[in-house]
Amino acid sequence: ALVAPLGSPGGFVDDALAELGHGRRRIALTVPHFFLAPALVAASDLIITLPERVAQIVCANNPLRIVPLPIKLRAFEVMMVWHDRVHRDPANMWLRDQVLKTMRP
C-alpha cells in the first residue's frame, strides 16, 4: 500500500530503491492519509512504509507489526504553515502548540 497525499505515486522509498538499482514497487492500494492506511493494511495481506513515529501510534490501535526497513532512507522535514492573520489567534496558537508537543520526541 502507498500513502500519496497529493495523489501521485512515488516518494522516498521509490527514490531509495531506484538508487539501489531495484525496480518499482507493486502498489495495490493508494490512500491519501497516513492514518487511513494502517486499518486497511491490518485487514489485508498488504504492507506499508510509514514514518516510525506514525507507525508507533497506529500500531497501538491495530494488529500490526513494525519491522525496520532493509534499506536506508533519507531524512525529511515536517512543517506547519498557517496564514499570517491567525498567527496571534489564541485557538490557532493552542492548536500549533498541541501539534508540536505531539511531534517532539
PDB file of N, CA and C in Angstrom:
ATOM      1  N   ALA A   1       0.858  -1.181   0.000  1.00  0.00           N
ATOM      2  CA  ALA A   1       0.000   0.000   0.000  1.00  0.00           C
ATOM      3  C   ALA A   1       0.895   1.232   0.000  1.00  0.00           C
ATOM      4  N   LEU A   2       0.363   2.323  -0.506  1.00  0.00           N
ATOM      5  CA  LEU A   2       1.131   3.563  -0.613  1.00  0.00           C
ATOM      6  C   LEU A   2       0.292   4.725  -0.103  1.00  0.00           C
ATOM      7  N   VAL A   3       0.897   5.564   0.734  1.00  0.00           N
ATOM      8  CA  VAL A   3       0.264   6.816   1.139  1.00  0.00           C
ATOM      9  C   VAL A   3       0.737   7.881   0.160  1.00  0.00           C
ATOM     10  N   ALA A   4      -0.211   8.496  -0.547  1.00  0.00           N
ATOM     11  CA  ALA A   4       0.105   9.525  -1.538  1.00  0.00           C
ATOM     12  C   ALA A   4      -0.802  10.724  -1.280  1.00  0.00           C
ATOM     13  N   PRO A   5      -0.386  11.617  -0.372  1.00  0.00           N
ATOM     14  CA  PRO A   5      -1.241  12.756  -0.019  1.00  0.00           C
ATOM     15  C   PRO A   5      -1.673  13.611  -1.209  1.00  0.00           C
ATOM     16  N   LEU A   6      -0.819  13.725  -2.196  1.00  0.00           N
ATOM     17  CA  LEU A   6      -1.155  14.540  -3.367  1.00  0.00           C
ATOM     18  C   LEU A   6      -1.673  13.699  -4.531  1.00  0.00           C
ATOM     19  N   GLY A   7      -1.836  12.394  -4.290  1.00  0.00           N
ATOM     20  CA  GLY A   7      -2.379  11.511  -5.313  1.00  0.00           C
ATOM     21  C   GLY A   7      -1.383  10.989  -6.323  1.00  0.00           C
ATOM     22  N   SER A   8      -0.136  11.427  -6.250  1.00  0.00           N
ATOM     23  CA  SER A   8       0.846  10.961  -7.225  1.00  0.00           C
ATOM     24  C   SER A   8       1.716   9.866  -6.611  1.00  0.00           C
ATOM     25  N   PRO A   9       2.033   8.846  -7.401  1.00  0.00           N
ATOM     26  CA  PRO A   9       2.866   7.749  -6.889  1.00  0.00           C
ATOM     27  C   PRO A   9       4.309   8.172  -6.724  1.00  0.00           C
ATOM     28  N   GLY A  10       5.063   7.338  -6.032  1.00  0.00           N
ATOM     29  CA  GLY A  10       6.483   7.598  -5.836  1.00  0.00           C
ATOM     30  C   GLY A  10       6.739   8.230  -4.487  1.00  0.00           C
ATOM     31  N   GLY A  11       8.009   8.463  -4.214  1.00  0.00           N
ATOM     32  CA  GLY A  11       8.364   9.074  -2.955  1.00  0.00           C
ATOM     33  C   GLY A  11       9.711   8.586  -2.460  1.00  0.00           C
ATOM     34  N   PHE A  12       9.935   8.714  -1.152  1.00  0.00           N
ATOM     35  CA  PHE A  12      11.215   8.367  -0.529  1.00  0.00           C
ATOM     36  C   PHE A  12      11.635   6.924  -0.802  1.00  0.00           C
ATOM     37  N   VAL A  13      10.716   6.008  -0.619  1.00  0.00           N
ATOM     38  CA  VAL A  13      11.051   4.583  -0.789  1.00  0.00           C
ATOM     39  C   VAL A  13      11.405   4.297  -2.239  1.00  0.00           C
ATOM     40  N   ASP A  14      10.618   4.821  -3.156  1.00  0.00           N
ATOM     41  CA  ASP A  14      10.897   4.588  -4.573  1.00  0.00           C
ATOM     42  C   ASP A  14      12.240   5.196  -4.992  1.00  0.00           C
ATOM     43  N   ASP A  15      12.552   6.374  -4.464  1.00  0.00           N
ATOM     44  CA  ASP A  15      13.847   7.001  -4.762  1.00  0.00           C
ATOM     45  C   ASP A  15      14.997   6.134  -4.259  1.00  0.00           C
ATOM     46  N   ALA A  16      14.879   5.613  -3.039  1.00  0.00           N
ATOM     47  CA  ALA A  16      15.937   4.773  -2.464  1.00  0.00           C
ATOM     48  C   ALA A  16      16.089   3.473  -3.260  1.00  0.00           C
ATOM     49  N   LEU A  17      14.969   2.873  -3.646  1.00  0.00           N
ATOM     50  CA  LEU A  17      15.037   1.639  -4.433  1.00  0.00           C
ATOM     51  C   LEU A  17      15.688   1.886  -5.793  1.00  0.00           C
ATOM     52  N   ALA A  18      15.359   3.006  -6.414  1.00  0.00           N
ATOM     53  CA  ALA A  18      15.951   3.344  -7.712  1.00  0.00           C
ATOM     54  C   ALA A  18      17.458   3.534  -7.596  1.00  0.00           C
ATOM     55  N   GLU A  19      17.898   4.190  -6.517  1.00  0.00           N
ATOM     56  CA  GLU A  19      19.335   4.392  -6.314  1.00  0.00           C
ATOM     57  C   GLU A  19      20.075   3.071  -6.151  1.00  0.00           C
ATOM     58  N   LEU A  20      19.385   2.060  -5.613  1.00  0.00           N
ATOM     59  CA  LEU A  20      19.991   0.742  -5.433  1.00  0.00           C
ATOM     60  C   LEU A  20      19.833  -0.143  -6.671  1.00  0.00           C
ATOM     61  N   GLY A  21      19.168   0.375  -7.697  1.00  0.00           N
ATOM     62  CA  GLY A  21      19.002  -0.381  -8.933  1.00  0.00           C
ATOM     63  C   GLY A  21      17.841  -1.357  -8.911  1.00  0.00           C
ATOM     64  N   HIS A  22      16.939  -1.222  -7.969  1.00  0.00           N
ATOM     65  CA  HIS A  22      15.779  -2.105  -7.901  1.00  0.00           C
ATOM     66  C   HIS A  22      14.638  -1.543  -8.739  1.00  0.00           C
ATOM     67  N   GLY A  23      13.739  -2.406  -9.130  1.00  0.00           N
ATOM     68  CA  GLY A  23      12.583  -1.974  -9.915  1.00  0.00           C
ATOM     69  C   GLY A  23      11.567  -1.249  -9.054  1.00  0.00           C
ATOM     70  N   ARG A  24      10.474  -0.919  -9.672  1.00  0.00           N
ATOM     71  CA  ARG A  24       9.415  -0.208  -8.972  1.00  0.00           C
ATOM     72  C   ARG A  24       8.612  -1.160  -8.092  1.00  0.00           C
ATOM     73  N   ARG A  25       8.035  -0.601  -7.044  1.00  0.00           N
ATOM     74  CA  ARG A  25       7.158  -1.392  -6.173  1.00  0.00           C
ATOM     75  C   ARG A  25       5.853  -1.699  -6.895  1.00  0.00           C
ATOM     76  N   ARG A  26       5.222  -2.797  -6.492  1.00  0.00           N
ATOM     77  CA  ARG A  26       3.875  -3.107  -6.992  1.00  0.00           C
ATOM     78  C   ARG A  26       2.888  -2.538  -5.976  1.00  0.00           C
ATOM     79  N   ILE A  27       2.191  -1.491  -6.358  1.00  0.00           N
ATOM     80  CA  ILE A  27       1.261  -0.812  -5.465  1.00  0.00           C
ATOM     81  C   ILE A  27      -0.145  -1.328  -5.747  1.00  0.00           C
ATOM     82  N   ALA A  28      -0.754  -1.964  -4.749  1.00  0.00           N
ATOM     83  CA  ALA A  28      -2.108  -2.500  -4.898  1.00  0.00           C
ATOM     84  C   ALA A  28      -3.162  -1.530  -4.380  1.00  0.00           C
ATOM     85  N   LEU A  29      -2.755  -0.609  -3.503  1.00  0.00           N
ATOM     86  CA  LEU A  29      -3.700   0.310  -2.877  1.00  0.00           C
ATOM     87  C   LEU A  29      -3.002   1.631  -2.603  1.00  0.00           C
ATOM     88  N   THR A  30      -3.633   2.729  -2.978  1.00  0.00           N
ATOM     89  CA  THR A  30      -3.117   4.062  -2.691  1.00  0.00           C
ATOM     90  C   THR A  30      -4.156   4.807  -1.867  1.00  0.00           C
ATOM     91  N   VAL A  31      -3.704   5.395  -0.763  1.00  0.00           N
ATOM     92  CA  VAL A  31      -4.608   6.158   0.107  1.00  0.00           C
ATOM     93  C   VAL A  31      -4.013   7.548   0.330  1.00  0.00           C
ATOM     94  N   PRO A  32      -4.864   8.539   0.666  1.00  0.00           N
ATOM     95  CA  PRO A  32      -4.365   9.903   0.794  1.00  0.00           C
ATOM     96  C   PRO A  32      -3.816  10.282   2.169  1.00  0.00           C
ATOM     97  N   HIS A  33      -4.043   9.444   3.201  1.00  0.00           N
ATOM     98  CA  HIS A  33      -3.659   9.833   4.556  1.00  0.00           C
ATOM     99  C   HIS A  33      -2.924   8.707   5.282  1.00  0.00           C
ATOM    100  N   PHE A  34      -1.920   9.075   6.092  1.00  0.00           N
ATOM    101  CA  PHE A  34      -1.169   8.096   6.868  1.00  0.00           C
ATOM    102  C   PHE A  34      -2.053   7.328   7.843  1.00  0.00           C
ATOM    103  N   PHE A  35      -3.044   7.981   8.421  1.00  0.00           N
ATOM    104  CA  PHE A  35      -3.827   7.323   9.464  1.00  0.00           C
ATOM    105  C   PHE A  35      -4.967   6.475   8.915  1.00  0.00           C
ATOM    106  N   LEU A  36      -5.226   6.512   7.621  1.00  0.00           N
ATOM    107  CA  LEU A  36      -6.218   5.647   6.993  1.00  0.00           C
ATOM    108  C   LEU A  36      -5.601   4.298   6.615  1.00  0.00           C
ATOM    109  N   ALA A  37      -4.375   4.322   6.177  1.00  0.00           N
ATOM    110  CA  ALA A  37      -3.715   3.128   5.641  1.00  0.00           C
ATOM    111  C   ALA A  37      -3.602   1.966   6.623  1.00  0.00           C
ATOM    112  N   PRO A  38      -3.211   2.169   7.882  1.00  0.00           N
ATOM    113  CA  PRO A  38      -2.993   1.027   8.775  1.00  0.00           C
ATOM    114  C   PRO A  38      -4.213   0.132   8.979  1.00  0.00           C
ATOM    115  N   ALA A  39      -5.389   0.700   9.084  1.00  0.00           N
ATOM    116  CA  ALA A  39      -6.587  -0.131   9.249  1.00  0.00           C
ATOM    117  C   ALA A  39      -6.819  -0.990   8.011  1.00  0.00           C
ATOM    118  N   LEU A  40      -6.574  -0.431   6.838  1.00  0.00           N
ATOM    119  CA  LEU A  40      -6.727  -1.191   5.599  1.00  0.00           C
ATOM    120  C   LEU A  40      -5.661  -2.275   5.485  1.00  0.00           C
ATOM    121  N   VAL A  41      -4.446  -1.944   5.867  1.00  0.00           N
ATOM    122  CA  VAL A  41      -3.358  -2.931   5.821  1.00  0.00           C
ATOM    123  C   VAL A  41      -3.620  -4.051   6.833  1.00  0.00           C
ATOM    124  N   ALA A  42      -4.120  -3.700   8.011  1.00  0.00           N
ATOM    125  CA  ALA A  42      -4.392  -4.701   9.048  1.00  0.00           C
ATOM    126  C   ALA A  42      -5.443  -5.707   8.598  1.00  0.00           C
ATOM    127  N   ALA A  43      -6.316  -5.310   7.692  1.00  0.00           N
ATOM    128  CA  ALA A  43      -7.385  -6.197   7.215  1.00  0.00           C
ATOM    129  C   ALA A  43      -7.019  -6.860   5.883  1.00  0.00           C
ATOM    130  N   SER A  44      -5.736  -6.853   5.516  1.00  0.00           N
ATOM    131  CA  SER A  44      -5.319  -7.402   4.229  1.00  0.00           C
ATOM    132  C   SER A  44      -3.957  -8.077   4.353  1.00  0.00           C
ATOM    133  N   ASP A  45      -3.388  -8.456   3.213  1.00  0.00           N
ATOM    134  CA  ASP A  45      -2.031  -9.007   3.198  1.00  0.00           C
ATOM    135  C   ASP A  45      -1.027  -7.988   2.651  1.00  0.00           C
ATOM    136  N   LEU A  46      -1.386  -6.712   2.697  1.00  0.00           N
ATOM    137  CA  LEU A  46      -0.530  -5.642   2.198  1.00  0.00           C
ATOM    138  C   LEU A  46       0.482  -5.209   3.253  1.00  0.00           C
ATOM    139  N   ILE A  47       1.499  -4.499   2.815  1.00  0.00           N
ATOM    140  CA  ILE A  47       2.462  -3.864   3.715  1.00  0.00           C
ATOM    141  C   ILE A  47       2.530  -2.385   3.348  1.00  0.00           C
ATOM    142  N   ILE A  48       3.060  -1.592   4.259  1.00  0.00           N
ATOM    143  CA  ILE A  48       3.182  -0.160   4.010  1.00  0.00           C
ATOM    144  C   ILE A  48       4.404   0.373   4.735  1.00  0.00           C
ATOM    145  N   THR A  49       5.027   1.382   4.178  1.00  0.00           N
ATOM    146  CA  THR A  49       6.109   2.073   4.875  1.00  0.00           C
ATOM    147  C   THR A  49       5.535   3.356   5.456  1.00  0.00           C
ATOM    148  N   LEU A  50       5.863   3.600   6.710  1.00  0.00           N
ATOM    149  CA  LEU A  50       5.391   4.784   7.424  1.00  0.00           C
ATOM    150  C   LEU A  50       6.538   5.400   8.199  1.00  0.00           C
ATOM    151  N   PRO A  51       6.470   6.689   8.482  1.00  0.00           N
ATOM    152  CA  PRO A  51       7.442   7.253   9.419  1.00  0.00           C
ATOM    153  C   PRO A  51       7.313   6.513  10.751  1.00  0.00           C
ATOM    154  N   GLU A  52       8.443   6.275  11.398  1.00  0.00           N
ATOM    155  CA  GLU A  52       8.449   5.452  12.608  1.00  0.00           C
ATOM    156  C   GLU A  52       7.483   5.950  13.680  1.00  0.00           C
ATOM    157  N   ARG A  53       7.446   7.249  13.909  1.00  0.00           N
ATOM    158  CA  ARG A  53       6.544   7.771  14.951  1.00  0.00           C
ATOM    159  C   ARG A  53       5.090   7.547  14.591  1.00  0.00           C
ATOM    160  N   VAL A  54       4.744   7.676  13.322  1.00  0.00           N
ATOM    161  CA  VAL A  54       3.375   7.397  12.885  1.00  0.00           C
ATOM    162  C   VAL A  54       3.078   5.919  13.072  1.00  0.00           C
ATOM    163  N   ALA A  55       4.010   5.069  12.696  1.00  0.00           N
ATOM    164  CA  ALA A  55       3.820   3.622  12.849  1.00  0.00           C
ATOM    165  C   ALA A  55       3.588   3.238  14.311  1.00  0.00           C
ATOM    166  N   GLN A  56       4.331   3.838  15.211  1.00  0.00           N
ATOM    167  CA  GLN A  56       4.157   3.532  16.631  1.00  0.00           C
ATOM    168  C   GLN A  56       2.767   3.915  17.121  1.00  0.00           C
ATOM    169  N   ILE A  57       2.270   5.037  16.656  1.00  0.00           N
ATOM    170  CA  ILE A  57       0.937   5.486  17.060  1.00  0.00           C
ATOM    171  C   ILE A  57      -0.140   4.548  16.518  1.00  0.00           C
ATOM    172  N   VAL A  58      -0.066   4.226  15.237  1.00  0.00           N
ATOM    173  CA  VAL A  58      -1.127   3.418  14.635  1.00  0.00           C
ATOM    174  C   VAL A  58      -1.060   1.958  15.051  1.00  0.00           C
ATOM    175  N   CYS A  59       0.110   1.469  15.383  1.00  0.00           N
ATOM    176  CA  CYS A  59       0.215   0.074  15.821  1.00  0.00           C
ATOM    177  C   CYS A  59      -0.378  -0.130  17.212  1.00  0.00           C
ATOM    178  N   ALA A  60      -0.516   0.938  17.954  1.00  0.00           N
ATOM    179  CA  ALA A  60      -1.132   0.827  19.274  1.00  0.00           C
ATOM    180  C   ALA A  60      -2.609   0.466  19.152  1.00  0.00           C
ATOM    181  N   ASN A  61      -3.226   0.773  18.002  1.00  0.00           N
ATOM    182  CA  ASN A  61      -4.658   0.527  17.818  1.00  0.00           C
ATOM    183  C   ASN A  61      -4.975  -0.463  16.707  1.00  0.00           C
ATOM    184  N   ASN A  62      -3.968  -1.070  16.121  1.00  0.00           N
ATOM    185  CA  ASN A  62      -4.174  -2.022  15.029  1.00  0.00           C
ATOM    186  C   ASN A  62      -3.264  -3.227  15.235  1.00  0.00           C
ATOM    187  N   PRO A  63      -3.707  -4.399  14.799  1.00  0.00           N
ATOM    188  CA  PRO A  63      -2.868  -5.595  14.940  1.00  0.00           C
ATOM    189  C   PRO A  63      -1.769  -5.643  13.880  1.00  0.00           C
ATOM    190  N   LEU A  64      -0.819  -4.753  13.995  1.00  0.00           N
ATOM    191  CA  LEU A  64       0.272  -4.648  13.033  1.00  0.00           C
ATOM    192  C   LEU A  64       1.608  -4.798  13.735  1.00  0.00           C
ATOM    193  N   ARG A  65       2.618  -5.142  12.964  1.00  0.00           N
ATOM    194  CA  ARG A  65       3.970  -5.301  13.483  1.00  0.00           C
ATOM    195  C   ARG A  65       4.895  -4.326  12.764  1.00  0.00           C
ATOM    196  N   ILE A  66       5.769  -3.680  13.516  1.00  0.00           N
ATOM    197  CA  ILE A  66       6.748  -2.760  12.936  1.00  0.00           C
ATOM    198  C   ILE A  66       8.037  -3.529  12.676  1.00  0.00           C
ATOM    199  N   VAL A  67       8.530  -3.428  11.452  1.00  0.00           N
ATOM    200  CA  VAL A  67       9.771  -4.084  11.055  1.00  0.00           C
ATOM    201  C   VAL A  67      10.657  -3.022  10.404  1.00  0.00           C
ATOM    202  N   PRO A  68      11.924  -2.921  10.825  1.00  0.00           N
ATOM    203  CA  PRO A  68      12.805  -1.914  10.205  1.00  0.00           C
ATOM    204  C   PRO A  68      12.974  -2.172   8.712  1.00  0.00           C
ATOM    205  N   LEU A  69      13.111  -1.102   7.954  1.00  0.00           N
ATOM    206  CA  LEU A  69      13.340  -1.238   6.516  1.00  0.00           C
ATOM    207  C   LEU A  69      14.723  -1.817   6.253  1.00  0.00           C
ATOM    208  N   PRO A  70      14.862  -2.634   5.224  1.00  0.00           N
ATOM    209  CA  PRO A  70      16.179  -3.182   4.892  1.00  0.00           C
ATOM    210  C   PRO A  70      17.029  -2.215   4.078  1.00  0.00           C
ATOM    211  N   ILE A  71      16.504  -1.029   3.809  1.00  0.00           N
ATOM    212  CA  ILE A  71      17.248  -0.013   3.062  1.00  0.00           C
ATOM    213  C   ILE A  71      17.267   1.281   3.866  1.00  0.00           C
ATOM    214  N   LYS A  72      18.230   2.126   3.586  1.00  0.00           N
ATOM    215  CA  LYS A  72      18.363   3.413   4.264  1.00  0.00           C
ATOM    216  C   LYS A  72      17.592   4.467   3.476  1.00  0.00           C
ATOM    217  N   LEU A  73      16.758   5.226   4.170  1.00  0.00           N
ATOM    218  CA  LEU A  73      16.020   6.315   3.538  1.00  0.00           C
ATOM    219  C   LEU A  73      16.587   7.646   3.998  1.00  0.00           C
ATOM    220  N   ARG A  74      16.482   8.642   3.151  1.00  0.00           N
ATOM    221  CA  ARG A  74      16.939   9.973   3.544  1.00  0.00           C
ATOM    222  C   ARG A  74      15.922  10.585   4.508  1.00  0.00           C
ATOM    223  N   ALA A  75      16.399  11.458   5.349  1.00  0.00           N
ATOM    224  CA  ALA A  75      15.531  12.132   6.318  1.00  0.00           C
ATOM    225  C   ALA A  75      14.636  13.141   5.600  1.00  0.00           C
ATOM    226  N   PHE A  76      13.548  13.488   6.236  1.00  0.00           N
ATOM    227  CA  PHE A  76      12.668  14.505   5.672  1.00  0.00           C
ATOM    228  C   PHE A  76      12.140  15.385   6.790  1.00  0.00           C
ATOM    229  N   GLU A  77      11.701  16.564   6.423  1.00  0.00           N
ATOM    230  CA  GLU A  77      11.172  17.515   7.397  1.00  0.00           C
ATOM    231  C   GLU A  77       9.656  17.543   7.321  1.00  0.00           C
ATOM    232  N   VAL A  78       9.050  17.777   8.465  1.00  0.00           N
ATOM    233  CA  VAL A  78       7.616  18.019   8.539  1.00  0.00           C
ATOM    234  C   VAL A  78       7.464  19.457   9.006  1.00  0.00           C
ATOM    235  N   MET A  79       6.651  20.225   8.288  1.00  0.00           N
ATOM    236  CA  MET A  79       6.496  21.634   8.620  1.00  0.00           C
ATOM    237  C   MET A  79       5.024  21.979   8.795  1.00  0.00           C
ATOM    238  N   MET A  80       4.784  22.971   9.640  1.00  0.00           N
ATOM    239  CA  MET A  80       3.453  23.547   9.763  1.00  0.00           C
ATOM    240  C   MET A  80       3.477  24.899   9.081  1.00  0.00           C
ATOM    241  N   VAL A  81       2.388  25.224   8.429  1.00  0.00           N
ATOM    242  CA  VAL A  81       2.242  26.550   7.839  1.00  0.00           C
ATOM    243  C   VAL A  81       0.862  27.078   8.191  1.00  0.00           C
ATOM    244  N   TRP A  82       0.758  28.373   8.333  1.00  0.00           N
ATOM    245  CA  TRP A  82      -0.524  28.999   8.627  1.00  0.00           C
ATOM    246  C   TRP A  82      -0.508  30.410   8.074  1.00  0.00           C
ATOM    247  N   HIS A  83      -1.691  30.942   7.897  1.00  0.00           N
ATOM    248  CA  HIS A  83      -1.833  32.294   7.371  1.00  0.00           C
ATOM    249  C   HIS A  83      -1.465  33.302   8.451  1.00  0.00           C
ATOM    250  N   ASP A  84      -0.872  34.392   8.038  1.00  0.00           N
ATOM    251  CA  ASP A  84      -0.429  35.424   8.970  1.00  0.00           C
ATOM    252  C   ASP A  84      -1.592  35.985   9.809  1.00  0.00           C
ATOM    253  N   ARG A  85      -2.809  35.987   9.259  1.00  0.00           N
ATOM    254  CA  ARG A  85      -3.935  36.565  10.003  1.00  0.00           C
ATOM    255  C   ARG A  85      -4.288  35.761  11.251  1.00  0.00           C
ATOM    256  N   VAL A  86      -3.879  34.486  11.328  1.00  0.00           N
ATOM    257  CA  VAL A  86      -4.167  33.679  12.518  1.00  0.00           C
ATOM    258  C   VAL A  86      -2.927  33.459  13.376  1.00  0.00           C
ATOM    259  N   HIS A  87      -1.851  34.169  13.043  1.00  0.00           N
ATOM    260  CA  HIS A  87      -0.593  33.960  13.765  1.00  0.00           C
ATOM    261  C   HIS A  87      -0.741  34.208  15.266  1.00  0.00           C
ATOM    262  N   ARG A  88      -1.528  35.198  15.654  1.00  0.00           N
ATOM    263  CA  ARG A  88      -1.709  35.521  17.075  1.00  0.00           C
ATOM    264  C   ARG A  88      -3.076  35.088  17.618  1.00  0.00           C
ATOM    265  N   ASP A  89      -3.831  34.349  16.823  1.00  0.00           N
ATOM    266  CA  ASP A  89      -5.135  33.862  17.262  1.00  0.00           C
ATOM    267  C   ASP A  89      -4.936  32.814  18.359  1.00  0.00           C
ATOM    268  N   PRO A  90      -5.536  33.000  19.552  1.00  0.00           N
ATOM    269  CA  PRO A  90      -5.298  32.078  20.665  1.00  0.00           C
ATOM    270  C   PRO A  90      -5.641  30.617  20.352  1.00  0.00           C
ATOM    271  N   ALA A  91      -6.729  30.379  19.654  1.00  0.00           N
ATOM    272  CA  ALA A  91      -7.106  28.996  19.330  1.00  0.00           C
ATOM    273  C   ALA A  91      -6.096  28.372  18.370  1.00  0.00           C
ATOM    274  N   ASN A  92      -5.664  29.140  17.385  1.00  0.00           N
ATOM    275  CA  ASN A  92      -4.692  28.630  16.432  1.00  0.00           C
ATOM    276  C   ASN A  92      -3.340  28.415  17.092  1.00  0.00           C
ATOM    277  N   MET A  93      -2.960  29.320  17.992  1.00  0.00           N
ATOM    278  CA  MET A  93      -1.710  29.153  18.732  1.00  0.00           C
ATOM    279  C   MET A  93      -1.760  27.892  19.587  1.00  0.00           C
ATOM    280  N   TRP A  94      -2.902  27.652  20.232  1.00  0.00           N
ATOM    281  CA  TRP A  94      -3.065  26.440  21.047  1.00  0.00           C
ATOM    282  C   TRP A  94      -2.922  25.193  20.177  1.00  0.00           C
ATOM    283  N   LEU A  95      -3.589  25.184  19.020  1.00  0.00           N
ATOM    284  CA  LEU A  95      -3.523  24.026  18.134  1.00  0.00           C
ATOM    285  C   LEU A  95      -2.093  23.770  17.666  1.00  0.00           C
ATOM    286  N   ARG A  96      -1.388  24.809  17.266  1.00  0.00           N
ATOM    287  CA  ARG A  96       0.004  24.639  16.828  1.00  0.00           C
ATOM    288  C   ARG A  96       0.862  24.083  17.956  1.00  0.00           C
ATOM    289  N   ASP A  97       0.626  24.553  19.170  1.00  0.00           N
ATOM    290  CA  ASP A  97       1.370  24.058  20.325  1.00  0.00           C
ATOM    291  C   ASP A  97       1.091  22.577  20.563  1.00  0.00           C
ATOM    292  N   GLN A  98      -0.170  22.162  20.409  1.00  0.00           N
ATOM    293  CA  GLN A  98      -0.516  20.755  20.592  1.00  0.00           C
ATOM    294  C   GLN A  98       0.163  19.875  19.543  1.00  0.00           C
ATOM    295  N   VAL A  99       0.195  20.357  18.311  1.00  0.00           N
ATOM    296  CA  VAL A  99       0.869  19.605  17.244  1.00  0.00           C
ATOM    297  C   VAL A  99       2.353  19.471  17.558  1.00  0.00           C
ATOM    298  N   LEU A 100       2.983  20.554  17.985  1.00  0.00           N
ATOM    299  CA  LEU A 100       4.409  20.495  18.339  1.00  0.00           C
ATOM    300  C   LEU A 100       4.671  19.515  19.477  1.00  0.00           C
ATOM    301  N   LYS A 101       3.842  19.548  20.497  1.00  0.00           N
ATOM    302  CA  LYS A 101       4.020  18.626  21.619  1.00  0.00           C
ATOM    303  C   LYS A 101       3.889  17.178  21.181  1.00  0.00           C
ATOM    304  N   THR A 102       2.991  16.932  20.252  1.00  0.00           N
ATOM    305  CA  THR A 102       2.790  15.568  19.750  1.00  0.00           C
ATOM    306  C   THR A 102       3.960  15.087  18.915  1.00  0.00           C
ATOM    307  N   MET A 103       4.553  15.987  18.154  1.00  0.00           N
ATOM    308  CA  MET A 103       5.604  15.598  17.216  1.00  0.00           C
ATOM    309  C   MET A 103       6.996  15.543  17.826  1.00  0.00           C
ATOM    310  N   ARG A 104       7.200  16.169  18.969  1.00  0.00           N
ATOM    311  CA  ARG A 104       8.538  16.147  19.566  1.00  0.00           C
ATOM    312  C   ARG A 104       8.815  14.790  20.192  1.00  0.00           C
ATOM    313  N   PRO A 105      10.053  14.315  20.082  1.00  0.00           N
ATOM    314  CA  PRO A 105      10.395  13.020  20.695  1.00  0.00           C
ATOM    315  C   PRO A 105      10.335  13.073  22.211  1.00  0.00           C
TER     316      PRO A 105
END
